[in-house]
């Protein structure tokens, strides 16, 4: 799921939970789903931040990014 769709879905979950009209069991399921979405969004943002930080200027003054591969716990540079 792309970032924007995940964020929108998380906001919908928060809205539903804030209304307080759902049964407890449904609220708990939505809360769990929201926490999973939040973790996914944080990972996405963390990876984006790392990629941005890796932007460097080459010898000609052009911006480029080093290659990296996504791992379960973060990113790793390619050799």
PDB file of N, CA and C in Angstrom:
ATOM      1  N   UNK A   1       0.857  -1.185   0.000  1.00  0.00           N
ATOM      2  CA  UNK A   1       0.000   0.000   0.000  1.00  0.00           C
ATOM      3  C   UNK A   1       0.896   1.238   0.000  1.00  0.00           C
ATOM      4  N   UNK A   2       0.582   2.208  -0.818  1.00  0.00           N
ATOM      5  CA  UNK A   2       1.424   3.380  -0.886  1.00  0.00           C
ATOM      6  C   UNK A   2       1.237   4.271   0.334  1.00  0.00           C
ATOM      7  N   UNK A   3       2.211   5.125   0.574  1.00  0.00           N
ATOM      8  CA  UNK A   3       2.254   5.938   1.785  1.00  0.00           C
ATOM      9  C   UNK A   3       0.976   6.752   1.995  1.00  0.00           C
ATOM     10  N   UNK A   4       0.556   7.475   0.982  1.00  0.00           N
ATOM     11  CA  UNK A   4      -0.605   8.358   1.132  1.00  0.00           C
ATOM     12  C   UNK A   4      -1.881   7.586   1.464  1.00  0.00           C
ATOM     13  N   UNK A   5      -2.074   6.442   0.830  1.00  0.00           N
ATOM     14  CA  UNK A   5      -3.258   5.627   1.115  1.00  0.00           C
ATOM     15  C   UNK A   5      -3.205   5.078   2.540  1.00  0.00           C
ATOM     16  N   UNK A   6      -2.016   4.660   2.960  1.00  0.00           N
ATOM     17  CA  UNK A   6      -1.861   4.145   4.326  1.00  0.00           C
ATOM     18  C   UNK A   6      -2.127   5.240   5.345  1.00  0.00           C
ATOM     19  N   UNK A   7      -1.613   6.431   5.084  1.00  0.00           N
ATOM     20  CA  UNK A   7      -1.832   7.552   6.003  1.00  0.00           C
ATOM     21  C   UNK A   7      -3.312   7.917   6.079  1.00  0.00           C
ATOM     22  N   UNK A   8      -3.975   7.929   4.928  1.00  0.00           N
ATOM     23  CA  UNK A   8      -5.410   8.241   4.905  1.00  0.00           C
ATOM     24  C   UNK A   8      -6.189   7.185   5.690  1.00  0.00           C
ATOM     25  N   UNK A   9      -5.835   5.928   5.510  1.00  0.00           N
ATOM     26  CA  UNK A   9      -6.525   4.856   6.227  1.00  0.00           C
ATOM     27  C   UNK A   9      -6.296   4.981   7.736  1.00  0.00           C
ATOM     28  N   UNK A  10      -5.079   5.329   8.133  1.00  0.00           N
ATOM     29  CA  UNK A  10      -4.786   5.531   9.553  1.00  0.00           C
ATOM     30  C   UNK A  10      -5.622   6.675  10.117  1.00  0.00           C
ATOM     31  N   UNK A  11      -5.754   7.742   9.375  1.00  0.00           N
ATOM     32  CA  UNK A  11      -6.562   8.883   9.835  1.00  0.00           C
ATOM     33  C   UNK A  11      -8.029   8.492   9.974  1.00  0.00           C
ATOM     34  N   UNK A  12      -8.530   7.652   9.075  1.00  0.00           N
ATOM     35  CA  UNK A  12      -9.909   7.172   9.173  1.00  0.00           C
ATOM     36  C   UNK A  12     -10.092   6.331  10.437  1.00  0.00           C
ATOM     37  N   UNK A  13      -9.108   5.504  10.743  1.00  0.00           N
ATOM     38  CA  UNK A  13      -9.168   4.681  11.956  1.00  0.00           C
ATOM     39  C   UNK A  13      -9.203   5.571  13.189  1.00  0.00           C
ATOM     40  N   UNK A  14      -8.333   6.571  13.216  1.00  0.00           N
ATOM     41  CA  UNK A  14      -8.291   7.493  14.356  1.00  0.00           C
ATOM     42  C   UNK A  14      -9.635   8.197  14.523  1.00  0.00           C
ATOM     43  N   UNK A  15     -10.225   8.655  13.430  1.00  0.00           N
ATOM     44  CA  UNK A  15     -11.529   9.314  13.495  1.00  0.00           C
ATOM     45  C   UNK A  15     -12.590   8.399  14.097  1.00  0.00           C
ATOM     46  N   UNK A  16     -12.602   7.143  13.653  1.00  0.00           N
ATOM     47  CA  UNK A  16     -13.585   6.185  14.168  1.00  0.00           C
ATOM     48  C   UNK A  16     -13.382   5.948  15.658  1.00  0.00           C
ATOM     49  N   UNK A  17     -12.129   5.811  16.065  1.00  0.00           N
ATOM     50  CA  UNK A  17     -11.842   5.553  17.479  1.00  0.00           C
ATOM     51  C   UNK A  17     -12.163   6.767  18.348  1.00  0.00           C
ATOM     52  N   UNK A  18     -11.902   7.957  17.834  1.00  0.00           N
ATOM     53  CA  UNK A  18     -12.178   9.169  18.604  1.00  0.00           C
ATOM     54  C   UNK A  18     -13.670   9.382  18.847  1.00  0.00           C
ATOM     55  N   UNK A  19     -14.503   8.911  17.931  1.00  0.00           N
ATOM     56  CA  UNK A  19     -15.948   9.053  18.109  1.00  0.00           C
ATOM     57  C   UNK A  19     -16.444   8.236  19.297  1.00  0.00           C
ATOM     58  N   UNK A  20     -15.780   7.132  19.582  1.00  0.00           N
ATOM     59  CA  UNK A  20     -16.133   6.315  20.737  1.00  0.00           C
ATOM     60  C   UNK A  20     -17.457   5.587  20.620  1.00  0.00           C
ATOM     61  N   UNK A  21     -17.915   5.365  19.409  1.00  0.00           N
ATOM     62  CA  UNK A  21     -19.220   4.736  19.206  1.00  0.00           C
ATOM     63  C   UNK A  21     -19.128   3.246  18.892  1.00  0.00           C
ATOM     64  N   UNK A  22     -17.929   2.732  18.744  1.00  0.00           N
ATOM     65  CA  UNK A  22     -17.752   1.330  18.364  1.00  0.00           C
ATOM     66  C   UNK A  22     -17.714   0.433  19.599  1.00  0.00           C
ATOM     67  N   UNK A  23     -18.126  -0.823  19.426  1.00  0.00           N
ATOM     68  CA  UNK A  23     -17.982  -1.786  20.524  1.00  0.00           C
ATOM     69  C   UNK A  23     -16.499  -1.970  20.856  1.00  0.00           C
ATOM     70  N   UNK A  24     -16.212  -2.353  22.075  1.00  0.00           N
ATOM     71  CA  UNK A  24     -14.839  -2.486  22.534  1.00  0.00           C
ATOM     72  C   UNK A  24     -14.019  -3.421  21.653  1.00  0.00           C
ATOM     73  N   UNK A  25     -14.569  -4.580  21.301  1.00  0.00           N
ATOM     74  CA  UNK A  25     -13.831  -5.541  20.490  1.00  0.00           C
ATOM     75  C   UNK A  25     -13.436  -4.947  19.138  1.00  0.00           C
ATOM     76  N   UNK A  26     -14.345  -4.247  18.502  1.00  0.00           N
ATOM     77  CA  UNK A  26     -14.060  -3.609  17.203  1.00  0.00           C
ATOM     78  C   UNK A  26     -13.021  -2.498  17.384  1.00  0.00           C
ATOM     79  N   UNK A  27     -13.122  -1.743  18.467  1.00  0.00           N
ATOM     80  CA  UNK A  27     -12.155  -0.685  18.748  1.00  0.00           C
ATOM     81  C   UNK A  27     -10.756  -1.251  18.922  1.00  0.00           C
ATOM     82  N   UNK A  28     -10.654  -2.376  19.618  1.00  0.00           N
ATOM     83  CA  UNK A  28      -9.348  -2.992  19.820  1.00  0.00           C
ATOM     84  C   UNK A  28      -8.744  -3.473  18.503  1.00  0.00           C
ATOM     85  N   UNK A  29      -9.572  -4.038  17.644  1.00  0.00           N
ATOM     86  CA  UNK A  29      -9.080  -4.487  16.336  1.00  0.00           C
ATOM     87  C   UNK A  29      -8.606  -3.309  15.493  1.00  0.00           C
ATOM     88  N   UNK A  30      -9.372  -2.220  15.514  1.00  0.00           N
ATOM     89  CA  UNK A  30      -8.976  -1.033  14.771  1.00  0.00           C
ATOM     90  C   UNK A  30      -7.703  -0.422  15.350  1.00  0.00           C
ATOM     91  N   UNK A  31      -7.591  -0.428  16.682  1.00  0.00           N
ATOM     92  CA  UNK A  31      -6.390   0.097  17.323  1.00  0.00           C
ATOM     93  C   UNK A  31      -5.163  -0.695  16.891  1.00  0.00           C
ATOM     94  N   UNK A  32      -5.286  -2.021  16.882  1.00  0.00           N
ATOM     95  CA  UNK A  32      -4.181  -2.869  16.456  1.00  0.00           C
ATOM     96  C   UNK A  32      -3.811  -2.596  14.995  1.00  0.00           C
ATOM     97  N   UNK A  33      -4.814  -2.477  14.145  1.00  0.00           N
ATOM     98  CA  UNK A  33      -4.567  -2.171  12.734  1.00  0.00           C
ATOM     99  C   UNK A  33      -3.878  -0.819  12.595  1.00  0.00           C
ATOM    100  N   UNK A  34      -4.319   0.148  13.369  1.00  0.00           N
ATOM    101  CA  UNK A  34      -3.711   1.475  13.337  1.00  0.00           C
ATOM    102  C   UNK A  34      -2.261   1.458  13.775  1.00  0.00           C
ATOM    103  N   UNK A  35      -1.947   0.681  14.807  1.00  0.00           N
ATOM    104  CA  UNK A  35      -0.568   0.591  15.282  1.00  0.00           C
ATOM    105  C   UNK A  35       0.327  -0.067  14.226  1.00  0.00           C
ATOM    106  N   UNK A  36      -0.203  -1.066  13.526  1.00  0.00           N
ATOM    107  CA  UNK A  36       0.557  -1.695  12.446  1.00  0.00           C
ATOM    108  C   UNK A  36       0.807  -0.718  11.295  1.00  0.00           C
ATOM    109  N   UNK A  37      -0.223   0.062  10.953  1.00  0.00           N
ATOM    110  CA  UNK A  37      -0.056   1.075   9.909  1.00  0.00           C
ATOM    111  C   UNK A  37       0.970   2.122  10.333  1.00  0.00           C
ATOM    112  N   UNK A  38       0.911   2.534  11.592  1.00  0.00           N
ATOM    113  CA  UNK A  38       1.851   3.523  12.095  1.00  0.00           C
ATOM    114  C   UNK A  38       3.287   3.023  11.986  1.00  0.00           C
ATOM    115  N   UNK A  39       3.515   1.763  12.333  1.00  0.00           N
ATOM    116  CA  UNK A  39       4.855   1.190  12.225  1.00  0.00           C
ATOM    117  C   UNK A  39       5.324   1.175  10.774  1.00  0.00           C
ATOM    118  N   UNK A  40       4.435   0.814   9.862  1.00  0.00           N
ATOM    119  CA  UNK A  40       4.766   0.796   8.440  1.00  0.00           C
ATOM    120  C   UNK A  40       5.102   2.203   7.939  1.00  0.00           C
ATOM    121  N   UNK A  41       4.310   3.183   8.345  1.00  0.00           N
ATOM    122  CA  UNK A  41       4.550   4.562   7.923  1.00  0.00           C
ATOM    123  C   UNK A  41       5.865   5.094   8.485  1.00  0.00           C
ATOM    124  N   UNK A  42       6.161   4.779   9.733  1.00  0.00           N
ATOM    125  CA  UNK A  42       7.425   5.212  10.328  1.00  0.00           C
ATOM    126  C   UNK A  42       8.613   4.615   9.581  1.00  0.00           C
ATOM    127  N   UNK A  43       8.510   3.342   9.207  1.00  0.00           N
ATOM    128  CA  UNK A  43       9.590   2.688   8.473  1.00  0.00           C
ATOM    129  C   UNK A  43       9.780   3.351   7.114  1.00  0.00           C
ATOM    130  N   UNK A  44       8.669   3.640   6.443  1.00  0.00           N
ATOM    131  CA  UNK A  44       8.740   4.298   5.150  1.00  0.00           C
ATOM    132  C   UNK A  44       9.438   5.646   5.273  1.00  0.00           C
ATOM    133  N   UNK A  45       9.047   6.438   6.281  1.00  0.00           N
ATOM    134  CA  UNK A  45       9.650   7.752   6.474  1.00  0.00           C
ATOM    135  C   UNK A  45      11.128   7.648   6.847  1.00  0.00           C
ATOM    136  N   UNK A  46      11.458   6.666   7.647  1.00  0.00           N
ATOM    137  CA  UNK A  46      12.853   6.452   8.027  1.00  0.00           C
ATOM    138  C   UNK A  46      13.702   6.127   6.802  1.00  0.00           C
ATOM    139  N   UNK A  47      13.196   5.245   5.944  1.00  0.00           N
ATOM    140  CA  UNK A  47      13.916   4.899   4.718  1.00  0.00           C
ATOM    141  C   UNK A  47      14.043   6.101   3.788  1.00  0.00           C
ATOM    142  N   UNK A  48      12.992   6.916   3.715  1.00  0.00           N
ATOM    143  CA  UNK A  48      13.043   8.119   2.881  1.00  0.00           C
ATOM    144  C   UNK A  48      14.072   9.097   3.436  1.00  0.00           C
ATOM    145  N   UNK A  49      14.130   9.238   4.741  1.00  0.00           N
ATOM    146  CA  UNK A  49      15.105  10.133   5.366  1.00  0.00           C
ATOM    147  C   UNK A  49      16.531   9.679   5.071  1.00  0.00           C
ATOM    148  N   UNK A  50      16.769   8.382   5.175  1.00  0.00           N
ATOM    149  CA  UNK A  50      18.103   7.849   4.887  1.00  0.00           C
ATOM    150  C   UNK A  50      18.472   8.107   3.436  1.00  0.00           C
ATOM    151  N   UNK A  51      17.536   7.894   2.541  1.00  0.00           N
ATOM    152  CA  UNK A  51      17.818   8.125   1.119  1.00  0.00           C
ATOM    153  C   UNK A  51      18.140   9.598   0.874  1.00  0.00           C
ATOM    154  N   UNK A  52      17.396  10.485   1.496  1.00  0.00           N
ATOM    155  CA  UNK A  52      17.644  11.922   1.336  1.00  0.00           C
ATOM    156  C   UNK A  52      19.015  12.287   1.885  1.00  0.00           C
ATOM    157  N   UNK A  53      19.366  11.715   3.039  1.00  0.00           N
ATOM    158  CA  UNK A  53      20.669  12.003   3.637  1.00  0.00           C
ATOM    159  C   UNK A  53      21.809  11.503   2.770  1.00  0.00           C
ATOM    160  N   UNK A  54      21.552  10.503   1.944  1.00  0.00           N
ATOM    161  CA  UNK A  54      22.592   9.931   1.098  1.00  0.00           C
ATOM    162  C   UNK A  54      22.791  10.729  -0.194  1.00  0.00           C
ATOM    163  N   UNK A  55      21.946  11.720  -0.411  1.00  0.00           N
ATOM    164  CA  UNK A  55      22.144  12.560  -1.601  1.00  0.00           C
ATOM    165  C   UNK A  55      23.480  13.284  -1.471  1.00  0.00           C
ATOM    166  N   UNK A  56      24.279  13.136  -2.469  1.00  0.00           N
ATOM    167  CA  UNK A  56      25.589  13.784  -2.452  1.00  0.00           C
ATOM    168  C   UNK A  56      25.844  14.430  -3.803  1.00  0.00           C
ATOM    169  N   UNK A  57      26.752  15.362  -3.798  1.00  0.00           N
ATOM    170  CA  UNK A  57      27.147  15.972  -5.070  1.00  0.00           C
ATOM    171  C   UNK A  57      28.338  15.217  -5.613  1.00  0.00           C
ATOM    172  N   UNK A  58      28.259  14.887  -6.887  1.00  0.00           N
ATOM    173  CA  UNK A  58      29.405  14.231  -7.513  1.00  0.00           C
ATOM    174  C   UNK A  58      30.424  15.296  -7.917  1.00  0.00           C
ATOM    175  N   UNK A  59      31.480  14.889  -8.522  1.00  0.00           N
ATOM    176  CA  UNK A  59      32.565  15.819  -8.855  1.00  0.00           C
ATOM    177  C   UNK A  59      32.134  16.932  -9.816  1.00  0.00           C
ATOM    178  N   UNK A  60      31.055  16.716 -10.557  1.00  0.00           N
ATOM    179  CA  UNK A  60      30.560  17.729 -11.491  1.00  0.00           C
ATOM    180  C   UNK A  60      29.506  18.625 -10.855  1.00  0.00           C
ATOM    181  N   UNK A  61      29.239  18.426  -9.567  1.00  0.00           N
ATOM    182  CA  UNK A  61      28.264  19.258  -8.876  1.00  0.00           C
ATOM    183  C   UNK A  61      26.824  18.792  -9.032  1.00  0.00           C
ATOM    184  N   UNK A  62      26.642  17.636  -9.658  1.00  0.00           N
ATOM    185  CA  UNK A  62      25.286  17.106  -9.822  1.00  0.00           C
ATOM    186  C   UNK A  62      24.917  16.262  -8.611  1.00  0.00           C
ATOM    187  N   UNK A  63      23.649  16.298  -8.244  1.00  0.00           N
ATOM    188  CA  UNK A  63      23.185  15.478  -7.143  1.00  0.00           C
ATOM    189  C   UNK A  63      22.996  14.042  -7.602  1.00  0.00           C
ATOM    190  N   UNK A  64      23.372  13.111  -6.766  1.00  0.00           N
ATOM    191  CA  UNK A  64      23.126  11.705  -7.038  1.00  0.00           C
ATOM    192  C   UNK A  64      22.893  11.021  -5.703  1.00  0.00           C
ATOM    193  N   UNK A  65      22.383   9.813  -5.757  1.00  0.00           N
ATOM    194  CA  UNK A  65      22.163   9.058  -4.533  1.00  0.00           C
ATOM    195  C   UNK A  65      22.901   7.743  -4.637  1.00  0.00           C
ATOM    196  N   UNK A  66      23.465   7.298  -3.532  1.00  0.00           N
ATOM    197  CA  UNK A  66      24.102   5.994  -3.506  1.00  0.00           C
ATOM    198  C   UNK A  66      23.030   4.924  -3.542  1.00  0.00           C
ATOM    199  N   UNK A  67      23.348   3.776  -4.127  1.00  0.00           N
ATOM    200  CA  UNK A  67      22.415   2.656  -4.149  1.00  0.00           C
ATOM    201  C   UNK A  67      22.260   2.092  -2.751  1.00  0.00           C
ATOM    202  N   UNK A  68      21.082   1.630  -2.437  1.00  0.00           N
ATOM    203  CA  UNK A  68      20.861   0.942  -1.169  1.00  0.00           C
ATOM    204  C   UNK A  68      19.784  -0.095  -1.365  1.00  0.00           C
ATOM    205  N   UNK A  69      19.772  -1.069  -0.464  1.00  0.00           N
ATOM    206  CA  UNK A  69      18.721  -2.074  -0.477  1.00  0.00           C
ATOM    207  C   UNK A  69      18.001  -2.020   0.843  1.00  0.00           C
ATOM    208  N   UNK A  70      16.707  -2.208   0.807  1.00  0.00           N
ATOM    209  CA  UNK A  70      15.914  -2.174   2.019  1.00  0.00           C
ATOM    210  C   UNK A  70      16.012  -3.517   2.736  1.00  0.00           C
ATOM    211  N   UNK A  71      16.240  -3.462   4.023  1.00  0.00           N
ATOM    212  CA  UNK A  71      16.278  -4.651   4.863  1.00  0.00           C
ATOM    213  C   UNK A  71      15.134  -4.584   5.851  1.00  0.00           C
ATOM    214  N   UNK A  72      14.873  -5.653   6.548  1.00  0.00           N
ATOM    215  CA  UNK A  72      13.793  -5.642   7.536  1.00  0.00           C
ATOM    216  C   UNK A  72      14.079  -4.650   8.658  1.00  0.00           C
ATOM    217  N   UNK A  73      15.355  -4.422   8.974  1.00  0.00           N
ATOM    218  CA  UNK A  73      15.696  -3.528  10.060  1.00  0.00           C
ATOM    219  C   UNK A  73      16.241  -2.196   9.605  1.00  0.00           C
ATOM    220  N   UNK A  74      16.192  -1.873   8.348  1.00  0.00           N
ATOM    221  CA  UNK A  74      16.716  -0.608   7.875  1.00  0.00           C
ATOM    222  C   UNK A  74      17.197  -0.724   6.451  1.00  0.00           C
ATOM    223  N   UNK A  75      18.279  -0.034   6.154  1.00  0.00           N
ATOM    224  CA  UNK A  75      18.818  -0.059   4.797  1.00  0.00           C
ATOM    225  C   UNK A  75      20.282  -0.441   4.835  1.00  0.00           C
ATOM    226  N   UNK A  76      20.760  -0.913   3.721  1.00  0.00           N
ATOM    227  CA  UNK A  76      22.163  -1.297   3.599  1.00  0.00           C
ATOM    228  C   UNK A  76      22.674  -0.792   2.265  1.00  0.00           C
ATOM    229  N   UNK A  77      23.873  -0.239   2.274  1.00  0.00           N
ATOM    230  CA  UNK A  77      24.470   0.237   1.028  1.00  0.00           C
ATOM    231  C   UNK A  77      24.866  -0.937   0.155  1.00  0.00           C
ATOM    232  N   UNK A  78      24.736  -0.778  -1.155  1.00  0.00           N
ATOM    233  CA  UNK A  78      25.234  -1.785  -2.096  1.00  0.00           C
ATOM    234  C   UNK A  78      26.690  -1.482  -2.367  1.00  0.00           C
ATOM    235  N   UNK A  79      27.497  -2.534  -2.492  1.00  0.00           N
ATOM    236  CA  UNK A  79      28.925  -2.346  -2.820  1.00  0.00           C
ATOM    237  C   UNK A  79      29.138  -2.285  -4.298  1.00  0.00           C
TER     238      UNK A  79
END
